[in-house]
Amino acid sequence: MLNKIILASKSKVRKEILDKNNIENIVKPSNVDEDVIKKSLLKEKATPEIISKNLAELKANKVSKKDNSSMVLGADSVIDLNGELISKPENRSEALNILKKLNGKKHQLVSSVCISKAGSMIWNYTDKATLTMKNLSDKELESYLSKISDEALYAYNVYQIVIRFWIISLILAMIGLATLKVR
């Protein structure tokens, strides 16, 4: 049973998941430059699953080196579109391009968690959820994006599932999928 864990993330969603599951936690972001790591791993032809696992482990290990008596949880989620890594958007134009790319297609949300202590991984878990985005017109996608806050836009919250003209924010559950295995 975990008493208190350090969350190596600035993610409000992951903090909320731990809190709702009564897992005491302290937030200490790793400040890992994910883009540099992703580019390096992509050059090595790493799959999105490997990238997610490596980022989760790197985040946890980095923070646990500084506080080697505590358990540290690192996590990462990526979107895999037929082996192509889809990263978080940096602006609204990029968000629209991502949604157009995913439009009407099956893809996977890959979520990884890692627990480290004293700079070394002691446990990890990765899970995938296969999702299909409803086929929407460009006008519907643009309208959808106009309703999303900047804070949500620059996370995977930009990707939500559209069902019968209602936008249901299921991404919170998907991002937390692997995190709940920590309990």
N, C-alpha and C. Protein backbone atom coordinates (compact mmCIF):
# COMPACT_ATOMS: atom_id res chain seq x y z
N MET A 1 0.84 -1.19 0.00
CA MET A 1 0.00 0.00 0.00
C MET A 1 0.89 1.25 0.00
N LEU A 2 0.54 2.20 -0.85
CA LEU A 2 1.32 3.42 -0.96
C LEU A 2 0.85 4.45 0.05
N ASN A 3 1.78 5.07 0.77
CA ASN A 3 1.40 6.15 1.68
C ASN A 3 1.35 7.46 0.93
N LYS A 4 2.47 7.85 0.35
CA LYS A 4 2.54 9.09 -0.40
C LYS A 4 3.48 8.87 -1.56
N ILE A 5 3.10 9.40 -2.70
CA ILE A 5 3.91 9.23 -3.90
C ILE A 5 4.18 10.61 -4.49
N ILE A 6 5.32 10.76 -5.13
CA ILE A 6 5.63 12.00 -5.83
C ILE A 6 5.17 11.83 -7.27
N LEU A 7 4.42 12.78 -7.76
CA LEU A 7 3.97 12.79 -9.15
C LEU A 7 4.92 13.66 -9.95
N ALA A 8 5.65 13.06 -10.86
CA ALA A 8 6.65 13.77 -11.68
C ALA A 8 5.98 14.36 -12.91
N SER A 9 4.99 15.21 -12.66
CA SER A 9 4.19 15.74 -13.77
C SER A 9 3.49 17.02 -13.35
N LYS A 10 3.29 17.92 -14.33
CA LYS A 10 2.49 19.13 -14.10
C LYS A 10 1.03 18.88 -14.46
N SER A 11 0.71 17.68 -14.89
CA SER A 11 -0.63 17.36 -15.38
C SER A 11 -1.69 17.47 -14.29
N LYS A 12 -2.60 18.38 -14.48
CA LYS A 12 -3.72 18.52 -13.54
C LYS A 12 -4.61 17.28 -13.58
N VAL A 13 -4.71 16.67 -14.74
CA VAL A 13 -5.54 15.48 -14.91
C VAL A 13 -4.98 14.32 -14.09
N ARG A 14 -3.68 14.10 -14.17
CA ARG A 14 -3.08 12.99 -13.42
C ARG A 14 -3.17 13.24 -11.90
N LYS A 15 -2.96 14.47 -11.49
CA LYS A 15 -3.10 14.82 -10.06
C LYS A 15 -4.52 14.54 -9.60
N GLU A 16 -5.48 14.94 -10.42
CA GLU A 16 -6.90 14.72 -10.09
C GLU A 16 -7.22 13.23 -9.97
N ILE A 17 -6.65 12.41 -10.85
CA ILE A 17 -6.89 10.97 -10.81
C ILE A 17 -6.35 10.38 -9.51
N LEU A 18 -5.13 10.77 -9.13
CA LEU A 18 -4.56 10.27 -7.89
C LEU A 18 -5.40 10.72 -6.69
N ASP A 19 -5.79 11.99 -6.68
CA ASP A 19 -6.60 12.52 -5.58
C ASP A 19 -7.93 11.79 -5.45
N LYS A 20 -8.58 11.58 -6.58
CA LYS A 20 -9.89 10.91 -6.56
C LYS A 20 -9.79 9.45 -6.12
N ASN A 21 -8.60 8.88 -6.26
CA ASN A 21 -8.40 7.50 -5.83
C ASN A 21 -7.71 7.41 -4.47
N ASN A 22 -7.73 8.54 -3.76
CA ASN A 22 -7.19 8.61 -2.40
C ASN A 22 -5.73 8.18 -2.31
N ILE A 23 -4.96 8.53 -3.34
CA ILE A 23 -3.52 8.28 -3.32
C ILE A 23 -2.85 9.61 -2.97
N GLU A 24 -2.29 9.68 -1.76
CA GLU A 24 -1.62 10.91 -1.34
C GLU A 24 -0.44 11.17 -2.26
N ASN A 25 -0.31 12.42 -2.67
CA ASN A 25 0.75 12.74 -3.62
C ASN A 25 1.27 14.15 -3.45
N ILE A 26 2.48 14.33 -3.92
CA ILE A 26 3.12 15.64 -3.98
C ILE A 26 3.55 15.82 -5.44
N VAL A 27 3.31 16.98 -5.99
CA VAL A 27 3.68 17.25 -7.38
C VAL A 27 5.08 17.85 -7.44
N LYS A 28 5.96 17.19 -8.18
CA LYS A 28 7.31 17.69 -8.46
C LYS A 28 7.59 17.41 -9.93
N PRO A 29 7.27 18.36 -10.80
CA PRO A 29 7.46 18.12 -12.25
C PRO A 29 8.90 17.78 -12.60
N SER A 30 9.05 16.90 -13.57
CA SER A 30 10.38 16.47 -14.01
C SER A 30 11.04 17.50 -14.92
N ASN A 31 10.23 18.29 -15.61
CA ASN A 31 10.72 19.27 -16.59
C ASN A 31 11.60 18.64 -17.67
N VAL A 32 11.27 17.40 -18.04
CA VAL A 32 11.96 16.71 -19.13
C VAL A 32 11.54 17.36 -20.45
N ASP A 33 12.49 17.60 -21.33
CA ASP A 33 12.19 18.14 -22.65
C ASP A 33 11.71 16.99 -23.53
N GLU A 34 10.41 16.78 -23.54
CA GLU A 34 9.83 15.64 -24.25
C GLU A 34 10.12 15.66 -25.74
N ASP A 35 10.11 16.83 -26.33
CA ASP A 35 10.32 16.92 -27.78
C ASP A 35 11.70 16.41 -28.18
N VAL A 36 12.73 16.75 -27.41
CA VAL A 36 14.09 16.29 -27.70
C VAL A 36 14.15 14.77 -27.60
N ILE A 37 13.53 14.21 -26.55
CA ILE A 37 13.54 12.76 -26.35
C ILE A 37 12.77 12.07 -27.47
N LYS A 38 11.61 12.60 -27.82
CA LYS A 38 10.81 12.00 -28.90
C LYS A 38 11.58 11.99 -30.22
N LYS A 39 12.22 13.12 -30.55
CA LYS A 39 12.98 13.19 -31.80
C LYS A 39 14.11 12.16 -31.82
N SER A 40 14.80 12.03 -30.70
CA SER A 40 15.89 11.06 -30.61
C SER A 40 15.37 9.64 -30.77
N LEU A 41 14.28 9.32 -30.09
CA LEU A 41 13.71 7.97 -30.18
C LEU A 41 13.15 7.69 -31.57
N LEU A 42 12.55 8.69 -32.20
CA LEU A 42 12.03 8.51 -33.56
C LEU A 42 13.16 8.23 -34.55
N LYS A 43 14.31 8.87 -34.35
CA LYS A 43 15.48 8.60 -35.22
C LYS A 43 15.91 7.14 -35.10
N GLU A 44 15.69 6.57 -33.91
CA GLU A 44 16.03 5.16 -33.66
C GLU A 44 14.90 4.22 -34.09
N LYS A 45 13.85 4.79 -34.70
CA LYS A 45 12.69 4.05 -35.19
C LYS A 45 11.88 3.41 -34.06
N ALA A 46 11.84 4.08 -32.91
CA ALA A 46 11.05 3.60 -31.77
C ALA A 46 9.56 3.74 -32.08
N THR A 47 8.78 2.80 -31.60
CA THR A 47 7.33 2.84 -31.77
C THR A 47 6.73 3.83 -30.77
N PRO A 48 5.50 4.29 -31.01
CA PRO A 48 4.84 5.16 -30.03
C PRO A 48 4.77 4.52 -28.64
N GLU A 49 4.59 3.21 -28.56
CA GLU A 49 4.55 2.53 -27.26
C GLU A 49 5.89 2.65 -26.54
N ILE A 50 6.98 2.44 -27.25
CA ILE A 50 8.32 2.56 -26.66
C ILE A 50 8.57 4.00 -26.22
N ILE A 51 8.13 4.96 -27.03
CA ILE A 51 8.31 6.37 -26.68
C ILE A 51 7.56 6.70 -25.40
N SER A 52 6.31 6.24 -25.30
CA SER A 52 5.51 6.49 -24.10
C SER A 52 6.18 5.88 -22.86
N LYS A 53 6.63 4.62 -22.98
CA LYS A 53 7.30 3.94 -21.86
C LYS A 53 8.57 4.67 -21.45
N ASN A 54 9.38 5.06 -22.43
CA ASN A 54 10.64 5.72 -22.14
C ASN A 54 10.43 7.08 -21.47
N LEU A 55 9.46 7.84 -21.95
CA LEU A 55 9.19 9.14 -21.34
C LEU A 55 8.70 9.00 -19.91
N ALA A 56 7.81 8.05 -19.66
CA ALA A 56 7.31 7.83 -18.30
C ALA A 56 8.46 7.45 -17.37
N GLU A 57 9.34 6.57 -17.83
CA GLU A 57 10.47 6.13 -17.01
C GLU A 57 11.47 7.27 -16.78
N LEU A 58 11.77 8.01 -17.82
CA LEU A 58 12.72 9.11 -17.70
C LEU A 58 12.23 10.14 -16.68
N LYS A 59 10.95 10.49 -16.75
CA LYS A 59 10.38 11.47 -15.81
C LYS A 59 10.49 10.96 -14.37
N ALA A 60 10.08 9.72 -14.15
CA ALA A 60 10.12 9.16 -12.79
C ALA A 60 11.56 9.05 -12.28
N ASN A 61 12.46 8.55 -13.11
CA ASN A 61 13.85 8.39 -12.69
C ASN A 61 14.51 9.73 -12.36
N LYS A 62 14.26 10.73 -13.18
CA LYS A 62 14.88 12.05 -12.97
C LYS A 62 14.48 12.62 -11.61
N VAL A 63 13.21 12.58 -11.29
CA VAL A 63 12.74 13.13 -10.02
C VAL A 63 13.19 12.26 -8.84
N SER A 64 13.18 10.93 -9.03
CA SER A 64 13.54 10.04 -7.92
C SER A 64 15.03 10.11 -7.57
N LYS A 65 15.85 10.57 -8.49
CA LYS A 65 17.28 10.76 -8.18
C LYS A 65 17.47 11.88 -7.16
N LYS A 66 16.59 12.87 -7.20
CA LYS A 66 16.68 14.01 -6.29
C LYS A 66 16.09 13.69 -4.92
N ASP A 67 15.14 12.78 -4.88
CA ASP A 67 14.48 12.40 -3.63
C ASP A 67 14.49 10.88 -3.57
N ASN A 68 15.64 10.30 -3.23
CA ASN A 68 15.80 8.86 -3.39
C ASN A 68 15.12 8.01 -2.32
N SER A 69 14.44 8.63 -1.36
CA SER A 69 13.74 7.84 -0.35
C SER A 69 12.26 7.68 -0.69
N SER A 70 11.78 8.39 -1.70
CA SER A 70 10.36 8.35 -2.05
C SER A 70 10.12 7.59 -3.35
N MET A 71 8.90 7.10 -3.48
CA MET A 71 8.50 6.50 -4.76
C MET A 71 7.96 7.63 -5.63
N VAL A 72 8.35 7.59 -6.90
CA VAL A 72 7.99 8.64 -7.85
C VAL A 72 7.25 8.02 -9.02
N LEU A 73 6.13 8.63 -9.36
CA LEU A 73 5.33 8.16 -10.49
C LEU A 73 5.54 9.09 -11.68
N GLY A 74 5.98 8.51 -12.78
CA GLY A 74 6.08 9.24 -14.05
C GLY A 74 5.06 8.64 -15.00
N ALA A 75 4.49 9.47 -15.85
CA ALA A 75 3.48 8.98 -16.79
C ALA A 75 3.59 9.71 -18.11
N ASP A 76 3.13 9.05 -19.15
CA ASP A 76 3.09 9.68 -20.45
C ASP A 76 2.02 9.02 -21.30
N SER A 77 1.40 9.81 -22.15
CA SER A 77 0.40 9.31 -23.09
C SER A 77 0.71 9.85 -24.47
N VAL A 78 0.59 8.99 -25.46
CA VAL A 78 0.78 9.41 -26.85
C VAL A 78 -0.33 8.80 -27.70
N ILE A 79 -0.52 9.39 -28.84
CA ILE A 79 -1.49 8.84 -29.80
C ILE A 79 -0.70 8.16 -30.91
N ASP A 80 -1.13 6.95 -31.24
CA ASP A 80 -0.50 6.13 -32.27
C ASP A 80 -1.49 5.97 -33.42
N LEU A 81 -1.17 6.56 -34.56
CA LEU A 81 -2.00 6.43 -35.76
C LEU A 81 -1.23 5.56 -36.74
N ASN A 82 -1.54 4.26 -36.72
CA ASN A 82 -0.88 3.30 -37.61
C ASN A 82 0.65 3.38 -37.53
N GLY A 83 1.17 3.48 -36.31
CA GLY A 83 2.61 3.52 -36.11
C GLY A 83 3.21 4.91 -36.12
N GLU A 84 2.41 5.92 -36.46
CA GLU A 84 2.88 7.30 -36.47
C GLU A 84 2.56 7.95 -35.13
N LEU A 85 3.55 8.58 -34.54
CA LEU A 85 3.36 9.29 -33.28
C LEU A 85 2.66 10.61 -33.54
N ILE A 86 1.56 10.85 -32.85
CA ILE A 86 0.86 12.12 -32.93
C ILE A 86 1.12 12.85 -31.63
N SER A 87 1.84 13.96 -31.70
CA SER A 87 2.20 14.72 -30.50
C SER A 87 1.15 15.78 -30.19
N LYS A 88 1.28 16.35 -28.98
CA LYS A 88 0.38 17.42 -28.57
C LYS A 88 0.56 18.61 -29.50
N PRO A 89 -0.53 19.32 -29.79
CA PRO A 89 -0.41 20.49 -30.68
C PRO A 89 0.29 21.65 -29.98
N GLU A 90 0.97 22.47 -30.77
CA GLU A 90 1.62 23.66 -30.24
C GLU A 90 0.81 24.92 -30.52
N ASN A 91 -0.16 24.82 -31.43
CA ASN A 91 -1.01 25.97 -31.73
C ASN A 91 -2.33 25.46 -32.32
N ARG A 92 -3.25 26.35 -32.56
CA ARG A 92 -4.58 25.96 -33.05
C ARG A 92 -4.54 25.38 -34.46
N SER A 93 -3.65 25.89 -35.28
CA SER A 93 -3.52 25.37 -36.64
C SER A 93 -3.05 23.91 -36.60
N GLU A 94 -2.08 23.64 -35.74
CA GLU A 94 -1.57 22.28 -35.59
C GLU A 94 -2.65 21.36 -35.00
N ALA A 95 -3.45 21.88 -34.07
CA ALA A 95 -4.53 21.10 -33.48
C ALA A 95 -5.54 20.71 -34.56
N LEU A 96 -5.85 21.65 -35.44
CA LEU A 96 -6.79 21.36 -36.53
C LEU A 96 -6.20 20.29 -37.46
N ASN A 97 -4.92 20.39 -37.78
CA ASN A 97 -4.29 19.38 -38.63
C ASN A 97 -4.30 18.00 -37.99
N ILE A 98 -4.08 17.94 -36.66
CA ILE A 98 -4.13 16.66 -35.96
C ILE A 98 -5.53 16.07 -36.04
N LEU A 99 -6.53 16.89 -35.78
CA LEU A 99 -7.91 16.39 -35.84
C LEU A 99 -8.28 15.94 -37.25
N LYS A 100 -7.81 16.65 -38.26
CA LYS A 100 -8.07 16.24 -39.65
C LYS A 100 -7.40 14.89 -39.94
N LYS A 101 -6.20 14.71 -39.41
CA LYS A 101 -5.46 13.46 -39.61
C LYS A 101 -6.19 12.28 -38.95
N LEU A 102 -6.77 12.53 -37.75
CA LEU A 102 -7.46 11.48 -37.01
C LEU A 102 -8.91 11.30 -37.46
N ASN A 103 -9.43 12.25 -38.18
CA ASN A 103 -10.84 12.30 -38.58
C ASN A 103 -11.29 11.00 -39.26
N GLY A 104 -12.24 10.34 -38.61
CA GLY A 104 -12.82 9.12 -39.18
C GLY A 104 -11.94 7.89 -39.09
N LYS A 105 -10.83 7.98 -38.36
CA LYS A 105 -9.87 6.87 -38.34
C LYS A 105 -9.74 6.23 -36.96
N LYS A 106 -9.39 4.93 -37.00
CA LYS A 106 -9.04 4.23 -35.77
C LYS A 106 -7.60 4.57 -35.42
N HIS A 107 -7.36 4.72 -34.13
CA HIS A 107 -6.02 4.99 -33.64
C HIS A 107 -5.96 4.52 -32.20
N GLN A 108 -4.78 4.57 -31.61
CA GLN A 108 -4.64 4.11 -30.24
C GLN A 108 -4.10 5.22 -29.35
N LEU A 109 -4.66 5.28 -28.14
CA LEU A 109 -4.11 6.12 -27.10
C LEU A 109 -3.27 5.20 -26.23
N VAL A 110 -1.97 5.46 -26.18
CA VAL A 110 -1.03 4.63 -25.42
C VAL A 110 -0.67 5.40 -24.15
N SER A 111 -0.94 4.79 -22.99
CA SER A 111 -0.63 5.42 -21.71
C SER A 111 0.33 4.53 -20.94
N SER A 112 1.39 5.14 -20.44
CA SER A 112 2.40 4.41 -19.67
C SER A 112 2.60 5.08 -18.32
N VAL A 113 2.85 4.25 -17.31
CA VAL A 113 3.22 4.75 -16.00
C VAL A 113 4.46 3.99 -15.54
N CYS A 114 5.24 4.66 -14.73
CA CYS A 114 6.46 4.06 -14.18
C CYS A 114 6.60 4.54 -12.74
N ILE A 115 6.98 3.63 -11.87
CA ILE A 115 7.32 4.03 -10.50
C ILE A 115 8.80 3.76 -10.33
N SER A 116 9.50 4.79 -9.86
CA SER A 116 10.94 4.72 -9.64
C SER A 116 11.26 5.06 -8.19
N LYS A 117 12.38 4.55 -7.75
CA LYS A 117 12.91 4.89 -6.43
C LYS A 117 14.42 4.95 -6.55
N ALA A 118 14.99 6.00 -5.97
CA ALA A 118 16.45 6.19 -5.99
C ALA A 118 17.02 6.18 -7.42
N GLY A 119 16.28 6.72 -8.35
CA GLY A 119 16.78 6.85 -9.72
C GLY A 119 16.63 5.64 -10.60
N SER A 120 15.95 4.59 -10.11
CA SER A 120 15.77 3.38 -10.91
C SER A 120 14.31 2.96 -10.93
N MET A 121 13.89 2.46 -12.08
CA MET A 121 12.52 1.97 -12.23
C MET A 121 12.32 0.73 -11.36
N ILE A 122 11.21 0.69 -10.64
CA ILE A 122 10.87 -0.52 -9.88
C ILE A 122 9.59 -1.17 -10.40
N TRP A 123 8.83 -0.43 -11.22
CA TRP A 123 7.58 -0.98 -11.77
C TRP A 123 7.15 -0.11 -12.94
N ASN A 124 6.60 -0.76 -13.97
CA ASN A 124 6.00 0.03 -15.06
C ASN A 124 4.81 -0.73 -15.65
N TYR A 125 3.98 0.01 -16.35
CA TYR A 125 2.79 -0.57 -16.98
C TYR A 125 2.40 0.31 -18.15
N THR A 126 2.01 -0.33 -19.24
CA THR A 126 1.52 0.38 -20.42
C THR A 126 0.22 -0.26 -20.86
N ASP A 127 -0.72 0.58 -21.25
CA ASP A 127 -1.99 0.08 -21.76
C ASP A 127 -2.37 0.90 -22.99
N LYS A 128 -3.19 0.30 -23.82
CA LYS A 128 -3.64 0.96 -25.05
C LYS A 128 -5.15 0.91 -25.12
N ALA A 129 -5.72 1.96 -25.65
CA ALA A 129 -7.16 1.99 -25.93
C ALA A 129 -7.31 2.31 -27.41
N THR A 130 -8.06 1.50 -28.12
CA THR A 130 -8.31 1.75 -29.53
C THR A 130 -9.56 2.63 -29.63
N LEU A 131 -9.41 3.73 -30.33
CA LEU A 131 -10.48 4.71 -30.47
C LEU A 131 -10.75 4.96 -31.94
N THR A 132 -11.96 5.36 -32.25
CA THR A 132 -12.30 5.78 -33.61
C THR A 132 -12.94 7.14 -33.53
N MET A 133 -12.36 8.09 -34.23
CA MET A 133 -12.94 9.43 -34.25
C MET A 133 -14.03 9.49 -35.31
N LYS A 134 -15.14 10.07 -34.94
CA LYS A 134 -16.24 10.25 -35.88
C LYS A 134 -15.77 11.13 -37.04
N ASN A 135 -16.27 10.87 -38.24
CA ASN A 135 -15.91 11.65 -39.41
C ASN A 135 -16.67 12.97 -39.37
N LEU A 136 -15.96 14.07 -39.33
CA LEU A 136 -16.57 15.40 -39.25
C LEU A 136 -16.09 16.27 -40.41
N SER A 137 -16.90 17.23 -40.77
CA SER A 137 -16.51 18.16 -41.83
C SER A 137 -15.46 19.14 -41.27
N ASP A 138 -14.75 19.81 -42.16
CA ASP A 138 -13.77 20.81 -41.73
C ASP A 138 -14.45 21.89 -40.90
N LYS A 139 -15.66 22.28 -41.30
CA LYS A 139 -16.40 23.32 -40.57
C LYS A 139 -16.72 22.85 -39.14
N GLU A 140 -17.11 21.59 -39.00
CA GLU A 140 -17.41 21.04 -37.66
C GLU A 140 -16.15 21.00 -36.81
N LEU A 141 -15.02 20.62 -37.40
CA LEU A 141 -13.76 20.58 -36.66
C LEU A 141 -13.35 21.98 -36.21
N GLU A 142 -13.48 22.96 -37.09
CA GLU A 142 -13.12 24.34 -36.75
C GLU A 142 -14.03 24.88 -35.66
N SER A 143 -15.31 24.58 -35.74
CA SER A 143 -16.27 25.01 -34.73
C SER A 143 -15.93 24.38 -33.38
N TYR A 144 -15.60 23.11 -33.40
CA TYR A 144 -15.22 22.38 -32.20
C TYR A 144 -14.00 23.02 -31.54
N LEU A 145 -12.97 23.30 -32.34
CA LEU A 145 -11.75 23.90 -31.80
C LEU A 145 -11.98 25.29 -31.23
N SER A 146 -12.91 26.02 -31.81
CA SER A 146 -13.18 27.38 -31.33
C SER A 146 -13.76 27.38 -29.91
N LYS A 147 -14.27 26.24 -29.46
CA LYS A 147 -14.89 26.14 -28.14
C LYS A 147 -13.95 25.62 -27.07
N ILE A 148 -12.71 25.28 -27.45
CA ILE A 148 -11.75 24.70 -26.51
C ILE A 148 -10.83 25.80 -25.98
N SER A 149 -10.61 25.80 -24.67
CA SER A 149 -9.71 26.77 -24.06
C SER A 149 -8.27 26.48 -24.48
N ASP A 150 -7.42 27.49 -24.38
CA ASP A 150 -6.00 27.31 -24.71
C ASP A 150 -5.36 26.25 -23.82
N GLU A 151 -5.72 26.24 -22.53
CA GLU A 151 -5.14 25.27 -21.60
C GLU A 151 -5.44 23.84 -22.05
N ALA A 152 -6.68 23.59 -22.45
CA ALA A 152 -7.06 22.25 -22.91
C ALA A 152 -6.45 21.95 -24.28
N LEU A 153 -6.32 22.97 -25.10
CA LEU A 153 -5.81 22.78 -26.45
C LEU A 153 -4.42 22.18 -26.47
N TYR A 154 -3.54 22.63 -25.58
CA TYR A 154 -2.14 22.22 -25.64
C TYR A 154 -1.86 20.95 -24.84
N ALA A 155 -2.91 20.21 -24.56
CA ALA A 155 -2.77 18.89 -23.97
C ALA A 155 -3.57 17.96 -24.88
N TYR A 156 -3.64 16.69 -24.52
CA TYR A 156 -4.43 15.80 -25.34
C TYR A 156 -5.91 16.04 -25.15
N ASN A 157 -6.28 17.00 -24.28
CA ASN A 157 -7.69 17.35 -24.11
C ASN A 157 -8.28 17.88 -25.41
N VAL A 158 -7.42 18.30 -26.34
CA VAL A 158 -7.91 18.77 -27.63
C VAL A 158 -8.66 17.64 -28.33
N TYR A 159 -8.29 16.41 -27.99
CA TYR A 159 -8.92 15.26 -28.60
C TYR A 159 -10.00 14.73 -27.68
N GLN A 160 -11.21 14.87 -28.09
CA GLN A 160 -12.33 14.34 -27.35
C GLN A 160 -13.16 13.53 -28.34
N ILE A 161 -14.12 12.77 -27.84
CA ILE A 161 -14.90 11.90 -28.71
C ILE A 161 -16.25 12.54 -28.97
N VAL A 162 -16.65 12.56 -30.23
CA VAL A 162 -17.91 13.18 -30.61
C VAL A 162 -18.94 12.09 -30.86
N ILE A 163 -20.05 12.15 -30.14
CA ILE A 163 -21.12 11.17 -30.28
C ILE A 163 -22.43 11.91 -30.44
N ARG A 164 -23.12 11.65 -31.56
CA ARG A 164 -24.43 12.23 -31.84
C ARG A 164 -24.50 13.73 -31.55
N PHE A 165 -23.51 14.45 -32.04
CA PHE A 165 -23.44 15.90 -31.95
C PHE A 165 -23.15 16.41 -30.53
N TRP A 166 -22.94 15.52 -29.60
CA TRP A 166 -22.55 15.93 -28.24
C TRP A 166 -21.07 15.64 -28.07
N ILE A 167 -20.36 16.55 -27.52
CA ILE A 167 -18.94 16.33 -27.28
C ILE A 167 -18.81 15.85 -25.84
N ILE A 168 -18.33 14.63 -25.69
CA ILE A 168 -18.18 14.03 -24.37
C ILE A 168 -16.70 13.94 -24.06
N SER A 169 -16.29 14.51 -22.98
CA SER A 169 -14.87 14.54 -22.65
C SER A 169 -14.45 13.25 -21.95
N LEU A 170 -14.08 12.26 -22.77
CA LEU A 170 -13.66 10.97 -22.24
C LEU A 170 -12.15 10.90 -22.04
N ILE A 171 -11.44 11.91 -22.50
CA ILE A 171 -10.00 11.83 -22.45
C ILE A 171 -9.47 11.74 -21.03
N LEU A 172 -10.20 12.29 -20.06
CA LEU A 172 -9.75 12.19 -18.67
C LEU A 172 -9.63 10.74 -18.26
N ALA A 173 -10.61 9.94 -18.64
CA ALA A 173 -10.58 8.52 -18.30
C ALA A 173 -9.47 7.81 -19.06
N MET A 174 -9.26 8.18 -20.31
CA MET A 174 -8.25 7.50 -21.11
C MET A 174 -6.84 7.79 -20.60
N ILE A 175 -6.58 9.04 -20.25
CA ILE A 175 -5.26 9.38 -19.75
C ILE A 175 -5.00 8.67 -18.43
N GLY A 176 -6.05 8.47 -17.65
CA GLY A 176 -5.90 7.85 -16.35
C GLY A 176 -5.91 6.33 -16.40
N LEU A 177 -6.16 5.75 -17.56
CA LEU A 177 -6.29 4.32 -17.69
C LEU A 177 -5.14 3.57 -17.04
N ALA A 178 -3.93 3.90 -17.40
CA ALA A 178 -2.78 3.21 -16.83
C ALA A 178 -2.49 3.66 -15.41
N THR A 179 -2.76 4.92 -15.11
CA THR A 179 -2.47 5.45 -13.78
C THR A 179 -3.24 4.70 -12.70
N LEU A 180 -4.45 4.26 -13.00
CA LEU A 180 -5.25 3.55 -12.01
C LEU A 180 -4.64 2.19 -11.65
N LYS A 181 -3.79 1.64 -12.49
CA LYS A 181 -3.11 0.39 -12.19
C LYS A 181 -2.14 0.53 -11.02
N VAL A 182 -1.78 1.78 -10.69
CA VAL A 182 -0.87 2.03 -9.60
C VAL A 182 -1.46 1.56 -8.28
N ARG A 183 -2.77 1.68 -8.14
CA ARG A 183 -3.43 1.26 -6.89
C ARG A 183 -3.26 -0.19 -6.76
